[in-house]
Amino acid sequence: MAGLARRTLARRLESVADFSDPSAGLEQYLTPAELAAHLCHLAGLQDDLERRVVDLGTGTGMLAIAASLAGAERVAGIDVDPDALALARRNERTAGDDGVRGRAIEWLRGDVTRHPFSTTDATVLSNPPFGAQRGNRHADRDFLETAREIASVSYTIHNEGSQEFVESFAADGGGDVTHAFRAEFPIAKRFEFHTEARETLEAEVFRIEWE
């Protein structure tokens, strides 16, 4: 099914609500609407939305909703936080509206590292923790390991300077990074350790084809 054009998609995604009480430990940040639209537009051009789409660590539901609005017929979002899933469901009703009606997203509570998926041919979309918080170092590795298990292709967002690690991880797992690009990741001040009212991080996005 044809989805929304990229610019229209980005505008629709601007209505996705942010966390009201985000968890620093889970690194809960709102994926920027423009970035989500760009990522799902690329996935559509690559025909990656034709298969089942799984959003690992869905949070607000931004990437799952974006994929559905971009034309994906089968979309699931998984998160360990029940409050995040409740927010994602509300965002589906708000941002999805008539765009998602008739092909509801499947929202699942679960740990990405102990997932319930049996597929090996999914398209994974994910904005994993950047590993900025104590105890979260290399958290994005766990998400990549799950992507390798269940996906034929994945799109993941990482902190600046991750390219060498991602390319090495993919190669070790028989995968190949086919696309890599930088993206701005603006975040508002949400936690005490934030020193600026608004900060823009430099992120890196990778498309990996898995063996």
C-alpha atoms as a PDB file:
ATOM      1  CA  MET A   1       0.000   0.000   0.000  1.00  0.00           C
ATOM      2  CA  ALA A   2       1.351   3.418  -0.943  1.00  0.00           C
ATOM      3  CA  GLY A   3       2.356   5.579   1.992  1.00  0.00           C
ATOM      4  CA  LEU A   4       2.693   9.277   2.632  1.00  0.00           C
ATOM      5  CA  ALA A   5       5.280  11.383   0.837  1.00  0.00           C
ATOM      6  CA  ARG A   6       8.346  12.190   2.939  1.00  0.00           C
ATOM      7  CA  ARG A   7       7.470  15.816   3.625  1.00  0.00           C
ATOM      8  CA  THR A   8       3.869  14.977   4.472  1.00  0.00           C
ATOM      9  CA  LEU A   9       5.064  12.115   6.646  1.00  0.00           C
ATOM     10  CA  ALA A  10       7.405  14.390   8.610  1.00  0.00           C
ATOM     11  CA  ARG A  11       4.584  16.875   9.232  1.00  0.00           C
ATOM     12  CA  ARG A  12       2.268  14.112  10.439  1.00  0.00           C
ATOM     13  CA  LEU A  13       4.923  12.752  12.766  1.00  0.00           C
ATOM     14  CA  GLU A  14       5.348  16.130  14.442  1.00  0.00           C
ATOM     15  CA  SER A  15       2.191  15.305  16.410  1.00  0.00           C
ATOM     16  CA  VAL A  16       3.883  12.336  18.112  1.00  0.00           C
ATOM     17  CA  ALA A  17       4.001  13.232  21.812  1.00  0.00           C
ATOM     18  CA  ASP A  18       7.216  13.061  23.815  1.00  0.00           C
ATOM     19  CA  PHE A  19       7.635  11.281  27.143  1.00  0.00           C
ATOM     20  CA  SER A  20       6.129  13.272  30.011  1.00  0.00           C
ATOM     21  CA  ASP A  21       8.437  11.605  32.541  1.00  0.00           C
ATOM     22  CA  PRO A  22      11.304  10.005  30.605  1.00  0.00           C
ATOM     23  CA  SER A  23      13.701   7.500  32.137  1.00  0.00           C
ATOM     24  CA  ALA A  24      17.351   8.509  32.023  1.00  0.00           C
ATOM     25  CA  GLY A  25      18.372   4.905  32.598  1.00  0.00           C
ATOM     26  CA  LEU A  26      16.470   3.787  29.506  1.00  0.00           C
ATOM     27  CA  GLU A  27      17.715   6.847  27.594  1.00  0.00           C
ATOM     28  CA  GLN A  28      14.192   7.751  26.546  1.00  0.00           C
ATOM     29  CA  TYR A  29      14.366  10.506  23.950  1.00  0.00           C
ATOM     30  CA  LEU A  30      11.933  11.396  21.197  1.00  0.00           C
ATOM     31  CA  THR A  31      13.255  10.354  17.784  1.00  0.00           C
ATOM     32  CA  PRO A  32      13.060  13.491  15.610  1.00  0.00           C
ATOM     33  CA  ALA A  33      10.122  13.450  13.194  1.00  0.00           C
ATOM     34  CA  GLU A  34      12.295  14.545  10.260  1.00  0.00           C
ATOM     35  CA  LEU A  35      14.795  11.753  10.899  1.00  0.00           C
ATOM     36  CA  ALA A  36      12.054   9.127  11.240  1.00  0.00           C
ATOM     37  CA  ALA A  37      10.500  10.311   7.980  1.00  0.00           C
ATOM     38  CA  HIS A  38      13.873  10.234   6.203  1.00  0.00           C
ATOM     39  CA  LEU A  39      14.655   6.747   7.464  1.00  0.00           C
ATOM     40  CA  CYS A  40      11.252   5.305   6.490  1.00  0.00           C
ATOM     41  CA  HIS A  41      11.304   7.070   3.129  1.00  0.00           C
ATOM     42  CA  LEU A  42      14.632   5.363   2.395  1.00  0.00           C
ATOM     43  CA  ALA A  43      13.210   2.032   3.579  1.00  0.00           C
ATOM     44  CA  GLY A  44      10.305   2.489   1.197  1.00  0.00           C
ATOM     45  CA  LEU A  45      12.615   3.218  -1.731  1.00  0.00           C
ATOM     46  CA  GLN A  46      14.529   0.014  -0.931  1.00  0.00           C
ATOM     47  CA  ASP A  47      11.265  -2.013  -0.774  1.00  0.00           C
ATOM     48  CA  ASP A  48      12.103  -2.812   2.853  1.00  0.00           C
ATOM     49  CA  LEU A  49       8.595  -1.953   4.026  1.00  0.00           C
ATOM     50  CA  GLU A  50       7.152  -4.846   2.017  1.00  0.00           C
ATOM     51  CA  ARG A  51       8.115  -7.329   4.746  1.00  0.00           C
ATOM     52  CA  ARG A  52       7.219  -7.287   8.443  1.00  0.00           C
ATOM     53  CA  VAL A  53       8.654  -4.246  10.231  1.00  0.00           C
ATOM     54  CA  VAL A  54       9.815  -4.466  13.843  1.00  0.00           C
ATOM     55  CA  ASP A  55      10.670  -1.370  15.899  1.00  0.00           C
ATOM     56  CA  LEU A  56      13.040  -2.476  18.665  1.00  0.00           C
ATOM     57  CA  GLY A  57      12.739  -0.313  21.780  1.00  0.00           C
ATOM     58  CA  THR A  58       9.832   1.591  20.267  1.00  0.00           C
ATOM     59  CA  GLY A  59       9.499   4.209  23.034  1.00  0.00           C
ATOM     60  CA  THR A  60       7.018   6.823  21.829  1.00  0.00           C
ATOM     61  CA  GLY A  61       6.235   4.635  18.818  1.00  0.00           C
ATOM     62  CA  MET A  62       7.761   7.153  16.409  1.00  0.00           C
ATOM     63  CA  LEU A  63       9.501   4.708  14.059  1.00  0.00           C
ATOM     64  CA  ALA A  64       6.686   2.130  14.089  1.00  0.00           C
ATOM     65  CA  ILE A  65       4.102   4.804  13.315  1.00  0.00           C
ATOM     66  CA  ALA A  66       6.350   6.289  10.634  1.00  0.00           C
ATOM     67  CA  ALA A  67       6.732   2.898   8.961  1.00  0.00           C
ATOM     68  CA  SER A  68       2.979   2.329   8.971  1.00  0.00           C
ATOM     69  CA  LEU A  69       2.274   5.759   7.536  1.00  0.00           C
ATOM     70  CA  ALA A  70       4.997   5.166   4.936  1.00  0.00           C
ATOM     71  CA  GLY A  71       3.145   2.094   3.684  1.00  0.00           C
ATOM     72  CA  ALA A  72       4.203  -0.897   5.783  1.00  0.00           C
ATOM     73  CA  GLU A  73       1.314  -3.334   6.228  1.00  0.00           C
ATOM     74  CA  ARG A  74       2.686  -5.341   9.178  1.00  0.00           C
ATOM     75  CA  VAL A  75       4.350  -3.383  11.973  1.00  0.00           C
ATOM     76  CA  ALA A  76       5.245  -4.317  15.548  1.00  0.00           C
ATOM     77  CA  GLY A  77       6.805  -2.187  18.265  1.00  0.00           C
ATOM     78  CA  ILE A  78       8.401  -3.742  21.342  1.00  0.00           C
ATOM     79  CA  ASP A  79       9.476  -2.011  24.542  1.00  0.00           C
ATOM     80  CA  VAL A  80      10.265  -3.059  28.100  1.00  0.00           C
ATOM     81  CA  ASP A  81       8.451  -0.027  29.572  1.00  0.00           C
ATOM     82  CA  PRO A  82       4.647  -0.362  29.845  1.00  0.00           C
ATOM     83  CA  ASP A  83       4.239   3.415  30.159  1.00  0.00           C
ATOM     84  CA  ALA A  84       6.110   3.878  26.887  1.00  0.00           C
ATOM     85  CA  LEU A  85       3.793   1.395  25.185  1.00  0.00           C
ATOM     86  CA  ALA A  86       0.730   3.222  26.522  1.00  0.00           C
ATOM     87  CA  LEU A  87       2.155   6.439  25.063  1.00  0.00           C
ATOM     88  CA  ALA A  88       2.899   4.713  21.756  1.00  0.00           C
ATOM     89  CA  ARG A  89      -0.717   3.534  21.529  1.00  0.00           C
ATOM     90  CA  ARG A  90      -1.970   7.075  22.134  1.00  0.00           C
ATOM     91  CA  ASN A  91       0.428   8.402  19.528  1.00  0.00           C
ATOM     92  CA  GLU A  92      -0.817   5.828  17.039  1.00  0.00           C
ATOM     93  CA  ARG A  93      -4.342   7.148  17.487  1.00  0.00           C
ATOM     94  CA  THR A  94      -3.203  10.771  17.229  1.00  0.00           C
ATOM     95  CA  ALA A  95      -0.486  10.741  14.586  1.00  0.00           C
ATOM     96  CA  GLY A  96      -1.781   7.732  12.719  1.00  0.00           C
ATOM     97  CA  ASP A  97      -5.409   8.828  12.559  1.00  0.00           C
ATOM     98  CA  ASP A  98      -6.774   7.851   9.144  1.00  0.00           C
ATOM     99  CA  GLY A  99      -3.271   7.042   7.869  1.00  0.00           C
ATOM    100  CA  VAL A 100      -2.906   3.914   9.992  1.00  0.00           C
ATOM    101  CA  ARG A 101      -6.549   3.013  10.319  1.00  0.00           C
ATOM    102  CA  GLY A 102      -7.273  -0.527   9.187  1.00  0.00           C
ATOM    103  CA  ARG A 103      -3.738  -1.827   9.785  1.00  0.00           C
ATOM    104  CA  ALA A 104      -3.131  -1.422  13.503  1.00  0.00           C
ATOM    105  CA  ILE A 105       0.381  -1.646  14.878  1.00  0.00           C
ATOM    106  CA  GLU A 106       1.099  -4.546  17.225  1.00  0.00           C
ATOM    107  CA  TRP A 107       2.502  -3.224  20.498  1.00  0.00           C
ATOM    108  CA  LEU A 108       4.414  -5.764  22.592  1.00  0.00           C
ATOM    109  CA  ARG A 109       5.913  -5.517  26.056  1.00  0.00           C
ATOM    110  CA  GLY A 110       9.226  -7.293  26.217  1.00  0.00           C
ATOM    111  CA  ASP A 111      12.985  -7.110  26.516  1.00  0.00           C
ATOM    112  CA  VAL A 112      14.668  -6.632  23.151  1.00  0.00           C
ATOM    113  CA  THR A 113      17.376  -9.088  24.218  1.00  0.00           C
ATOM    114  CA  ARG A 114      14.768 -11.763  25.017  1.00  0.00           C
ATOM    115  CA  HIS A 115      12.313 -11.026  22.238  1.00  0.00           C
ATOM    116  CA  PRO A 116       9.296 -13.141  21.176  1.00  0.00           C
ATOM    117  CA  PHE A 117       9.909 -12.958  17.418  1.00  0.00           C
ATOM    118  CA  SER A 118      10.488 -16.126  15.404  1.00  0.00           C
ATOM    119  CA  THR A 119      10.961 -14.372  12.068  1.00  0.00           C
ATOM    120  CA  THR A 120      14.335 -14.147  10.344  1.00  0.00           C
ATOM    121  CA  ASP A 121      13.190 -11.925   7.481  1.00  0.00           C
ATOM    122  CA  ALA A 122      11.981  -8.754   9.190  1.00  0.00           C
ATOM    123  CA  THR A 123      12.962  -5.169   8.565  1.00  0.00           C
ATOM    124  CA  VAL A 124      14.191  -3.779  11.863  1.00  0.00           C
ATOM    125  CA  LEU A 125      13.964  -0.093  12.661  1.00  0.00           C
ATOM    126  CA  SER A 126      15.538   1.072  15.901  1.00  0.00           C
ATOM    127  CA  ASN A 127      16.806   4.053  17.809  1.00  0.00           C
ATOM    128  CA  PRO A 128      18.665   2.114  20.520  1.00  0.00           C
ATOM    129  CA  PRO A 129      20.209   3.693  23.630  1.00  0.00           C
ATOM    130  CA  PHE A 130      23.398   5.498  22.709  1.00  0.00           C
ATOM    131  CA  GLY A 131      25.099   4.106  25.820  1.00  0.00           C
ATOM    132  CA  ALA A 132      25.577   7.549  27.315  1.00  0.00           C
ATOM    133  CA  GLN A 133      24.406   6.576  30.807  1.00  0.00           C
ATOM    134  CA  ARG A 134      26.346   4.563  33.364  1.00  0.00           C
ATOM    135  CA  GLY A 135      25.603   0.874  32.934  1.00  0.00           C
ATOM    136  CA  ASN A 136      24.382   1.366  29.358  1.00  0.00           C
ATOM    137  CA  ARG A 137      27.725   1.218  27.596  1.00  0.00           C
ATOM    138  CA  HIS A 138      27.432  -0.748  24.351  1.00  0.00           C
ATOM    139  CA  ALA A 139      23.656  -1.008  24.820  1.00  0.00           C
ATOM    140  CA  ASP A 140      23.282  -0.549  21.074  1.00  0.00           C
ATOM    141  CA  ARG A 141      25.206  -3.820  20.594  1.00  0.00           C
ATOM    142  CA  ASP A 142      22.316  -5.752  22.173  1.00  0.00           C
ATOM    143  CA  PHE A 143      19.907  -4.187  19.701  1.00  0.00           C
ATOM    144  CA  LEU A 144      22.178  -5.032  16.780  1.00  0.00           C
ATOM    145  CA  GLU A 145      22.456  -8.618  17.982  1.00  0.00           C
ATOM    146  CA  THR A 146      18.676  -8.948  17.974  1.00  0.00           C
ATOM    147  CA  ALA A 147      18.480  -7.283  14.573  1.00  0.00           C
ATOM    148  CA  ARG A 148      20.967  -9.837  13.268  1.00  0.00           C
ATOM    149  CA  GLU A 149      18.766 -12.648  14.620  1.00  0.00           C
ATOM    150  CA  ILE A 150      15.411 -11.543  13.220  1.00  0.00           C
ATOM    151  CA  ALA A 151      16.101  -9.268  10.258  1.00  0.00           C
ATOM    152  CA  SER A 152      17.170  -9.468   6.673  1.00  0.00           C
ATOM    153  CA  VAL A 153      17.739  -5.710   6.807  1.00  0.00           C
ATOM    154  CA  SER A 154      17.985  -3.201   9.637  1.00  0.00           C
ATOM    155  CA  TYR A 155      18.075   0.559  10.080  1.00  0.00           C
ATOM    156  CA  THR A 156      19.610   1.755  13.342  1.00  0.00           C
ATOM    157  CA  ILE A 157      20.484   5.171  14.779  1.00  0.00           C
ATOM    158  CA  HIS A 158      23.714   5.527  16.744  1.00  0.00           C
ATOM    159  CA  ASN A 159      25.857   8.124  18.436  1.00  0.00           C
ATOM    160  CA  GLU A 160      28.465   9.983  16.408  1.00  0.00           C
ATOM    161  CA  GLY A 161      31.640   7.982  15.912  1.00  0.00           C
ATOM    162  CA  SER A 162      29.939   4.588  15.702  1.00  0.00           C
ATOM    163  CA  GLN A 163      30.701   3.723  12.098  1.00  0.00           C
ATOM    164  CA  GLU A 164      33.789   1.606  12.728  1.00  0.00           C
ATOM    165  CA  PHE A 165      31.992  -0.385  15.429  1.00  0.00           C
ATOM    166  CA  VAL A 166      28.811  -0.906  13.373  1.00  0.00           C
ATOM    167  CA  GLU A 167      30.690  -1.942  10.241  1.00  0.00           C
ATOM    168  CA  SER A 168      32.858  -4.370  12.234  1.00  0.00           C
ATOM    169  CA  PHE A 169      29.835  -5.848  14.029  1.00  0.00           C
ATOM    170  CA  ALA A 170      27.959  -6.278  10.761  1.00  0.00           C
ATOM    171  CA  ALA A 171      30.923  -7.926   9.044  1.00  0.00           C
ATOM    172  CA  ASP A 172      31.401 -10.352  11.943  1.00  0.00           C
ATOM    173  CA  GLY A 173      27.755 -11.372  11.592  1.00  0.00           C
ATOM    174  CA  GLY A 174      27.849 -11.803   7.836  1.00  0.00           C
ATOM    175  CA  GLY A 175      26.178  -8.451   7.248  1.00  0.00           C
ATOM    176  CA  ASP A 176      26.992  -5.530   5.011  1.00  0.00           C
ATOM    177  CA  VAL A 177      26.474  -1.812   5.677  1.00  0.00           C
ATOM    178  CA  THR A 178      24.904  -0.555   2.458  1.00  0.00           C
ATOM    179  CA  HIS A 179      23.989   2.985   3.558  1.00  0.00           C
ATOM    180  CA  ALA A 180      25.464   5.276   6.202  1.00  0.00           C
ATOM    181  CA  PHE A 181      24.643   8.904   6.793  1.00  0.00           C
ATOM    182  CA  ARG A 182      24.830  11.562   9.467  1.00  0.00           C
ATOM    183  CA  ALA A 183      21.748  13.157  10.959  1.00  0.00           C
ATOM    184  CA  GLU A 184      21.015  15.871  13.484  1.00  0.00           C
ATOM    185  CA  PHE A 185      19.329  14.670  16.660  1.00  0.00           C
ATOM    186  CA  PRO A 186      17.914  17.632  18.605  1.00  0.00           C
ATOM    187  CA  ILE A 187      16.926  16.964  22.212  1.00  0.00           C
ATOM    188  CA  ALA A 188      15.243  19.254  24.716  1.00  0.00           C
ATOM    189  CA  LYS A 189      16.441  19.575  28.309  1.00  0.00           C
ATOM    190  CA  ARG A 190      14.752  16.705  30.145  1.00  0.00           C
ATOM    191  CA  PHE A 191      17.149  15.635  32.898  1.00  0.00           C
ATOM    192  CA  GLU A 192      19.158  17.373  35.616  1.00  0.00           C
ATOM    193  CA  PHE A 193      22.452  16.565  33.929  1.00  0.00           C
ATOM    194  CA  HIS A 194      21.416  18.512  30.816  1.00  0.00           C
ATOM    195  CA  THR A 195      23.102  21.909  30.852  1.00  0.00           C
ATOM    196  CA  GLU A 196      21.427  23.473  27.814  1.00  0.00           C
ATOM    197  CA  ALA A 197      17.738  24.137  27.141  1.00  0.00           C
ATOM    198  CA  ARG A 198      18.160  22.420  23.813  1.00  0.00           C
ATOM    199  CA  GLU A 199      21.079  20.483  22.376  1.00  0.00           C
ATOM    200  CA  THR A 200      21.665  18.967  18.964  1.00  0.00           C
ATOM    201  CA  LEU A 201      23.581  15.726  18.861  1.00  0.00           C
ATOM    202  CA  GLU A 202      25.241  14.372  15.765  1.00  0.00           C
ATOM    203  CA  ALA A 203      23.878  10.903  15.069  1.00  0.00           C
ATOM    204  CA  GLU A 204      24.763   8.270  12.490  1.00  0.00           C
ATOM    205  CA  VAL A 205      22.261   6.033  10.715  1.00  0.00           C
ATOM    206  CA  PHE A 206      23.127   2.678   9.157  1.00  0.00           C
ATOM    207  CA  ARG A 207      21.279   0.314   6.842  1.00  0.00           C
ATOM    208  CA  ILE A 208      22.604  -3.229   7.153  1.00  0.00           C
ATOM    209  CA  GLU A 209      21.750  -6.197   4.952  1.00  0.00           C
ATOM    210  CA  TRP A 210      22.113  -9.363   7.004  1.00  0.00           C
ATOM    211  CA  GLU A 211      23.115 -12.748   5.622  1.00  0.00           C
END
